Amino acid sequence: MILNKPVITITIVNLDSPFKEMIDSASIHVNHNKDITVAIKAALNDNKHMRNKRKKLVEELCYKIDGKATERVAKIIYKITNH
């Protein structure tokens, strides 16, 4: 999802996760093996709506994808420990 490419999620077992609904909304979700072919076709015909949903999800979960996460965390730690 970080690269904003289609993602197919497959439910093998039902697990409760606070992120499940968010991830399912931005991916092509499959519950049964018979649906995989349809999901692959949908992924190959990626549309603007799904691209926007993936982008929004990544922004919500990851903030920025710029390679500077460690720098941001270090600045926060430094600020907390020196004040």
N, C-alpha and C. Protein backbone atom coordinates (compact mmCIF):
# COMPACT_ATOMS: atom_id res chain seq x y z
N MET A 1 0.80 -1.19 0.00
CA MET A 1 0.00 0.00 0.00
C MET A 1 0.85 1.26 0.00
N ILE A 2 1.99 1.18 0.63
CA ILE A 2 2.85 2.37 0.70
C ILE A 2 3.24 2.85 -0.70
N LEU A 3 3.40 1.93 -1.62
CA LEU A 3 3.75 2.28 -3.00
C LEU A 3 2.53 2.61 -3.84
N ASN A 4 1.35 2.63 -3.22
CA ASN A 4 0.06 2.92 -3.86
C ASN A 4 -0.21 2.00 -5.05
N LYS A 5 0.01 0.71 -4.81
CA LYS A 5 -0.31 -0.33 -5.79
C LYS A 5 -1.49 -1.13 -5.24
N PRO A 6 -2.29 -1.74 -6.10
CA PRO A 6 -3.43 -2.52 -5.64
C PRO A 6 -2.99 -3.62 -4.66
N VAL A 7 -3.81 -3.82 -3.63
CA VAL A 7 -3.54 -4.83 -2.61
C VAL A 7 -4.75 -5.73 -2.50
N ILE A 8 -4.50 -7.03 -2.49
CA ILE A 8 -5.57 -8.01 -2.27
C ILE A 8 -5.37 -8.57 -0.87
N THR A 9 -6.39 -8.45 -0.02
CA THR A 9 -6.32 -9.04 1.32
C THR A 9 -7.20 -10.28 1.33
N ILE A 10 -6.70 -11.34 1.94
CA ILE A 10 -7.43 -12.61 1.99
C ILE A 10 -7.66 -12.96 3.46
N THR A 11 -8.91 -13.17 3.82
CA THR A 11 -9.23 -13.57 5.18
C THR A 11 -9.11 -15.08 5.28
N ILE A 12 -8.14 -15.51 6.06
CA ILE A 12 -7.96 -16.94 6.29
C ILE A 12 -8.67 -17.33 7.58
N VAL A 13 -8.46 -16.52 8.60
CA VAL A 13 -9.17 -16.68 9.87
C VAL A 13 -9.67 -15.30 10.29
N ASN A 14 -10.75 -15.28 11.00
CA ASN A 14 -11.28 -14.00 11.48
C ASN A 14 -10.49 -13.55 12.70
N LEU A 15 -9.80 -12.47 12.56
CA LEU A 15 -9.06 -11.88 13.67
C LEU A 15 -9.60 -10.48 13.92
N ASP A 16 -9.78 -10.16 15.16
CA ASP A 16 -10.20 -8.81 15.49
C ASP A 16 -8.98 -7.91 15.47
N SER A 17 -9.05 -6.86 14.70
CA SER A 17 -7.96 -5.91 14.60
C SER A 17 -8.55 -4.52 14.46
N PRO A 18 -7.97 -3.54 15.15
CA PRO A 18 -8.49 -2.19 15.00
C PRO A 18 -8.29 -1.63 13.61
N PHE A 19 -7.39 -2.23 12.83
CA PHE A 19 -7.09 -1.73 11.50
C PHE A 19 -7.78 -2.50 10.38
N LYS A 20 -8.43 -3.61 10.72
CA LYS A 20 -9.01 -4.48 9.69
C LYS A 20 -9.97 -3.73 8.78
N GLU A 21 -10.90 -2.99 9.34
CA GLU A 21 -11.88 -2.28 8.53
C GLU A 21 -11.21 -1.22 7.65
N MET A 22 -10.23 -0.52 8.20
CA MET A 22 -9.51 0.49 7.42
C MET A 22 -8.77 -0.14 6.24
N ILE A 23 -8.07 -1.23 6.52
CA ILE A 23 -7.29 -1.89 5.46
C ILE A 23 -8.22 -2.49 4.42
N ASP A 24 -9.29 -3.12 4.86
CA ASP A 24 -10.25 -3.70 3.91
C ASP A 24 -10.86 -2.63 3.02
N SER A 25 -11.06 -1.43 3.54
CA SER A 25 -11.69 -0.38 2.73
C SER A 25 -10.76 0.12 1.62
N ALA A 26 -9.46 -0.08 1.78
CA ALA A 26 -8.49 0.42 0.80
C ALA A 26 -7.87 -0.71 -0.02
N SER A 27 -8.38 -1.92 0.17
CA SER A 27 -7.84 -3.06 -0.57
C SER A 27 -8.99 -3.84 -1.20
N ILE A 28 -8.62 -4.80 -1.99
CA ILE A 28 -9.62 -5.70 -2.60
C ILE A 28 -9.67 -6.91 -1.69
N HIS A 29 -10.79 -7.08 -1.02
CA HIS A 29 -10.90 -8.11 0.01
C HIS A 29 -11.51 -9.39 -0.54
N VAL A 30 -10.92 -10.52 -0.15
CA VAL A 30 -11.38 -11.84 -0.59
C VAL A 30 -11.64 -12.71 0.64
N ASN A 31 -12.80 -13.33 0.68
CA ASN A 31 -13.13 -14.26 1.76
C ASN A 31 -13.05 -15.72 1.33
N HIS A 32 -13.15 -15.97 0.03
CA HIS A 32 -13.19 -17.34 -0.47
C HIS A 32 -12.25 -17.49 -1.66
N ASN A 33 -11.68 -18.67 -1.80
CA ASN A 33 -10.76 -18.95 -2.92
C ASN A 33 -11.38 -18.63 -4.27
N LYS A 34 -12.67 -18.89 -4.40
CA LYS A 34 -13.33 -18.68 -5.69
C LYS A 34 -13.34 -17.22 -6.13
N ASP A 35 -13.12 -16.30 -5.17
CA ASP A 35 -13.15 -14.87 -5.48
C ASP A 35 -11.80 -14.29 -5.88
N ILE A 36 -10.75 -15.08 -5.83
CA ILE A 36 -9.40 -14.58 -6.10
C ILE A 36 -9.27 -14.09 -7.55
N THR A 37 -9.84 -14.81 -8.50
CA THR A 37 -9.75 -14.40 -9.91
C THR A 37 -10.38 -13.03 -10.13
N VAL A 38 -11.53 -12.80 -9.53
CA VAL A 38 -12.20 -11.51 -9.64
C VAL A 38 -11.35 -10.41 -8.99
N ALA A 39 -10.74 -10.73 -7.85
CA ALA A 39 -9.90 -9.75 -7.15
C ALA A 39 -8.68 -9.38 -7.98
N ILE A 40 -8.06 -10.36 -8.62
CA ILE A 40 -6.90 -10.09 -9.47
C ILE A 40 -7.28 -9.20 -10.64
N LYS A 41 -8.42 -9.49 -11.26
CA LYS A 41 -8.88 -8.64 -12.37
C LYS A 41 -9.15 -7.22 -11.89
N ALA A 42 -9.72 -7.08 -10.70
CA ALA A 42 -9.97 -5.75 -10.15
C ALA A 42 -8.65 -5.02 -9.88
N ALA A 43 -7.65 -5.74 -9.39
CA ALA A 43 -6.34 -5.14 -9.12
C ALA A 43 -5.68 -4.67 -10.40
N LEU A 44 -5.84 -5.44 -11.47
CA LEU A 44 -5.25 -5.07 -12.75
C LEU A 44 -5.95 -3.87 -13.38
N ASN A 45 -7.20 -3.64 -12.99
CA ASN A 45 -7.96 -2.49 -13.47
C ASN A 45 -8.11 -1.45 -12.36
N ASP A 46 -6.99 -1.16 -11.73
CA ASP A 46 -6.97 -0.22 -10.60
C ASP A 46 -7.62 1.10 -11.01
N ASN A 47 -8.42 1.68 -10.10
CA ASN A 47 -9.09 2.93 -10.43
C ASN A 47 -8.69 4.05 -9.46
N LYS A 48 -9.02 5.26 -9.84
CA LYS A 48 -8.63 6.45 -9.07
C LYS A 48 -9.20 6.41 -7.65
N HIS A 49 -10.42 5.93 -7.52
CA HIS A 49 -11.06 5.86 -6.21
C HIS A 49 -10.24 5.01 -5.24
N MET A 50 -9.82 3.83 -5.67
CA MET A 50 -9.03 2.95 -4.80
C MET A 50 -7.64 3.52 -4.55
N ARG A 51 -7.04 4.15 -5.55
CA ARG A 51 -5.73 4.79 -5.35
C ARG A 51 -5.83 5.86 -4.27
N ASN A 52 -6.89 6.66 -4.31
CA ASN A 52 -7.08 7.70 -3.30
C ASN A 52 -7.30 7.11 -1.91
N LYS A 53 -8.05 6.01 -1.83
CA LYS A 53 -8.29 5.36 -0.54
C LYS A 53 -6.99 4.81 0.04
N ARG A 54 -6.15 4.20 -0.82
CA ARG A 54 -4.86 3.67 -0.34
C ARG A 54 -3.98 4.81 0.15
N LYS A 55 -3.93 5.89 -0.62
CA LYS A 55 -3.10 7.03 -0.24
C LYS A 55 -3.55 7.60 1.11
N LYS A 56 -4.85 7.74 1.29
CA LYS A 56 -5.38 8.27 2.55
C LYS A 56 -5.04 7.34 3.71
N LEU A 57 -5.18 6.03 3.52
CA LEU A 57 -4.88 5.06 4.57
C LEU A 57 -3.41 5.13 4.97
N VAL A 58 -2.53 5.19 3.99
CA VAL A 58 -1.09 5.26 4.28
C VAL A 58 -0.78 6.55 5.04
N GLU A 59 -1.40 7.66 4.66
CA GLU A 59 -1.18 8.92 5.37
C GLU A 59 -1.66 8.81 6.82
N GLU A 60 -2.79 8.13 7.04
CA GLU A 60 -3.33 7.99 8.39
C GLU A 60 -2.47 7.08 9.25
N LEU A 61 -2.00 5.97 8.67
CA LEU A 61 -1.24 4.99 9.45
C LEU A 61 0.25 5.29 9.53
N CYS A 62 0.81 5.88 8.49
CA CYS A 62 2.26 6.04 8.41
C CYS A 62 2.72 7.49 8.45
N TYR A 63 1.84 8.42 8.36
CA TYR A 63 2.10 9.85 8.29
C TYR A 63 2.82 10.19 7.00
N LYS A 64 4.13 10.26 7.01
CA LYS A 64 4.89 10.58 5.80
C LYS A 64 5.77 9.40 5.41
N ILE A 65 5.89 9.18 4.13
CA ILE A 65 6.78 8.15 3.62
C ILE A 65 7.94 8.89 2.95
N ASP A 66 8.84 9.40 3.78
CA ASP A 66 9.93 10.21 3.25
C ASP A 66 11.30 9.75 3.75
N GLY A 67 11.33 8.64 4.49
CA GLY A 67 12.61 8.13 4.99
C GLY A 67 13.13 8.90 6.20
N LYS A 68 12.32 9.76 6.79
CA LYS A 68 12.79 10.57 7.90
C LYS A 68 12.07 10.27 9.22
N ALA A 69 11.44 9.12 9.32
CA ALA A 69 10.71 8.77 10.54
C ALA A 69 11.64 8.73 11.75
N THR A 70 12.80 8.12 11.59
CA THR A 70 13.75 8.04 12.70
C THR A 70 14.18 9.42 13.14
N GLU A 71 14.42 10.30 12.20
CA GLU A 71 14.81 11.68 12.52
C GLU A 71 13.72 12.38 13.32
N ARG A 72 12.44 12.20 12.90
CA ARG A 72 11.34 12.83 13.62
C ARG A 72 11.23 12.29 15.04
N VAL A 73 11.36 10.98 15.20
CA VAL A 73 11.28 10.37 16.53
C VAL A 73 12.44 10.85 17.39
N ALA A 74 13.64 10.88 16.83
CA ALA A 74 14.81 11.34 17.59
C ALA A 74 14.63 12.78 18.06
N LYS A 75 14.08 13.63 17.21
CA LYS A 75 13.84 15.04 17.59
C LYS A 75 12.85 15.12 18.75
N ILE A 76 11.81 14.31 18.70
CA ILE A 76 10.82 14.31 19.78
C ILE A 76 11.46 13.83 21.08
N ILE A 77 12.24 12.76 21.00
CA ILE A 77 12.91 12.24 22.21
C ILE A 77 13.87 13.28 22.76
N TYR A 78 14.63 13.91 21.89
CA TYR A 78 15.57 14.94 22.32
C TYR A 78 14.84 16.10 22.99
N LYS A 79 13.74 16.51 22.40
CA LYS A 79 12.96 17.62 22.95
C LYS A 79 12.41 17.25 24.33
N ILE A 80 11.90 16.05 24.47
CA ILE A 80 11.32 15.60 25.74
C ILE A 80 12.39 15.50 26.83
N THR A 81 13.56 14.96 26.48
CA THR A 81 14.59 14.73 27.48
C THR A 81 15.38 15.97 27.85
N ASN A 82 15.35 17.01 27.06
CA ASN A 82 16.11 18.22 27.35
C ASN A 82 15.27 19.37 27.86
N HIS A 83 14.02 19.16 28.14
CA HIS A 83 13.18 20.25 28.65
C HIS A 83 12.60 19.90 29.94
